[in-house]
Amino acid sequence: MVDEIVGEAASFLFRQVGGLAVELTVNHIFSRHTARFFHGVGRRFIAVATFGANRIPSSLRVVPKGARPKPRRSDWLALWVGIVSWIALFLGLGFGVSHFL
């Protein structure tokens, strides 16, 4: 009986903390400066991977005052490529270097 209550409480707490971590991560990734960073990483990665054949414009475009920026499909592609390549880089480094520890 007590074990079940403790188990349910721990499960509830784990779900809440996990949800908070995911929410904070998503909010951080899509914040203004971090999104620009990942967009830049993605556009450079795409340019290198295609040997310069495909170039995505910079995310530092000027938006007229009072207008909202309208991201294009290529902007979203560069953002997600940047996020995935950054994660892959750190996973590769982590697994590669952990062998020597």
Protein backbone atom coordinates (compact mmCIF):
# COMPACT_ATOMS: atom_id res chain seq x y z
CA MET A 1 0.00 0.00 0.00
CA VAL A 2 2.69 2.50 1.00
CA ASP A 3 4.90 1.24 -1.83
CA GLU A 4 2.16 1.99 -4.35
CA ILE A 5 1.66 5.52 -2.99
CA VAL A 6 5.39 6.23 -3.08
CA GLY A 7 5.62 4.77 -6.58
CA GLU A 8 2.72 6.89 -7.83
CA ALA A 9 4.16 10.03 -6.23
CA ALA A 10 7.58 9.38 -7.75
CA SER A 11 6.02 8.72 -11.15
CA PHE A 12 4.00 11.93 -10.96
CA LEU A 13 7.04 13.95 -9.90
CA PHE A 14 9.17 12.42 -12.67
CA ARG A 15 6.54 13.27 -15.31
CA GLN A 16 6.25 16.86 -14.06
CA VAL A 17 10.01 17.43 -13.93
CA GLY A 18 10.47 15.77 -17.33
CA GLY A 19 7.73 17.93 -18.85
CA LEU A 20 9.32 21.06 -17.39
CA ALA A 21 12.73 20.11 -18.79
CA VAL A 22 11.27 19.56 -22.26
CA GLU A 23 9.33 22.84 -22.09
CA LEU A 24 12.39 24.83 -21.01
CA THR A 25 14.51 23.21 -23.71
CA VAL A 26 11.98 24.01 -26.44
CA ASN A 27 11.60 27.58 -25.16
CA HIS A 28 15.38 28.00 -25.14
CA ILE A 29 15.87 26.55 -28.63
CA PHE A 30 13.19 28.80 -30.10
CA SER A 31 14.27 31.94 -28.27
CA ARG A 32 15.49 34.75 -30.49
CA HIS A 33 19.26 34.44 -30.11
CA THR A 34 19.47 30.67 -29.84
CA ALA A 35 17.28 30.20 -32.90
CA ARG A 36 19.59 32.52 -34.85
CA PHE A 37 22.58 30.49 -33.72
CA PHE A 38 21.06 27.17 -34.80
CA HIS A 39 19.82 28.73 -38.04
CA GLY A 40 23.37 29.88 -38.79
CA VAL A 41 24.80 26.45 -37.99
CA GLY A 42 22.17 24.82 -40.21
CA ARG A 43 22.69 27.12 -43.19
CA ARG A 44 26.47 26.62 -43.03
CA PHE A 45 26.04 22.86 -42.69
CA ILE A 46 23.73 22.79 -45.73
CA ALA A 47 26.18 24.91 -47.74
CA VAL A 48 29.10 22.60 -46.88
CA ALA A 49 27.09 19.40 -47.45
CA THR A 50 25.97 20.58 -50.91
CA PHE A 51 29.40 22.03 -51.81
CA GLY A 52 27.87 25.50 -51.96
CA ALA A 53 25.16 24.59 -54.47
CA ASN A 54 22.35 25.43 -52.01
CA ARG A 55 22.62 28.60 -49.99
CA ILE A 56 20.01 29.72 -47.52
CA PRO A 57 19.83 33.48 -46.88
CA SER A 58 21.01 34.83 -43.54
CA SER A 59 18.61 35.04 -40.63
CA LEU A 60 19.83 38.57 -39.99
CA ARG A 61 17.49 40.02 -42.63
CA VAL A 62 15.94 43.36 -41.78
CA VAL A 63 12.19 43.23 -41.18
CA PRO A 64 10.36 46.53 -41.68
CA LYS A 65 9.19 48.18 -38.47
CA GLY A 66 5.73 47.03 -37.46
CA ALA A 67 5.86 43.88 -39.61
CA ARG A 68 6.23 40.35 -38.32
CA PRO A 69 8.97 38.15 -39.76
CA LYS A 70 7.56 35.41 -41.95
CA PRO A 71 9.90 32.43 -41.86
CA ARG A 72 10.15 30.50 -45.11
CA ARG A 73 10.39 26.75 -45.43
CA SER A 74 14.15 27.05 -45.95
CA ASP A 75 14.44 28.94 -42.64
CA TRP A 76 12.76 26.08 -40.77
CA LEU A 77 14.90 23.55 -42.61
CA ALA A 78 18.09 25.39 -41.65
CA LEU A 79 16.91 25.64 -38.02
CA TRP A 80 16.18 21.92 -37.70
CA VAL A 81 19.33 20.90 -39.57
CA GLY A 82 21.31 23.11 -37.19
CA ILE A 83 19.70 21.56 -34.10
CA VAL A 84 20.13 17.98 -35.32
CA SER A 85 23.72 18.52 -36.49
CA TRP A 86 24.65 20.16 -33.18
CA ILE A 87 23.18 17.24 -31.22
CA ALA A 88 24.94 14.75 -33.51
CA LEU A 89 28.24 16.59 -33.06
CA PHE A 90 28.04 16.42 -29.27
CA LEU A 91 26.86 12.82 -29.25
CA GLY A 92 29.73 11.90 -31.57
CA LEU A 93 32.23 13.72 -29.38
CA GLY A 94 30.76 12.19 -26.25
CA PHE A 95 30.90 8.64 -27.54
CA GLY A 96 34.28 9.14 -29.20
CA VAL A 97 36.00 10.72 -26.21
CA SER A 98 34.36 8.51 -23.57
CA HIS A 99 36.33 5.60 -24.98
CA PHE A 100 39.54 7.19 -23.69
CA LEU A 101 38.22 7.91 -20.19
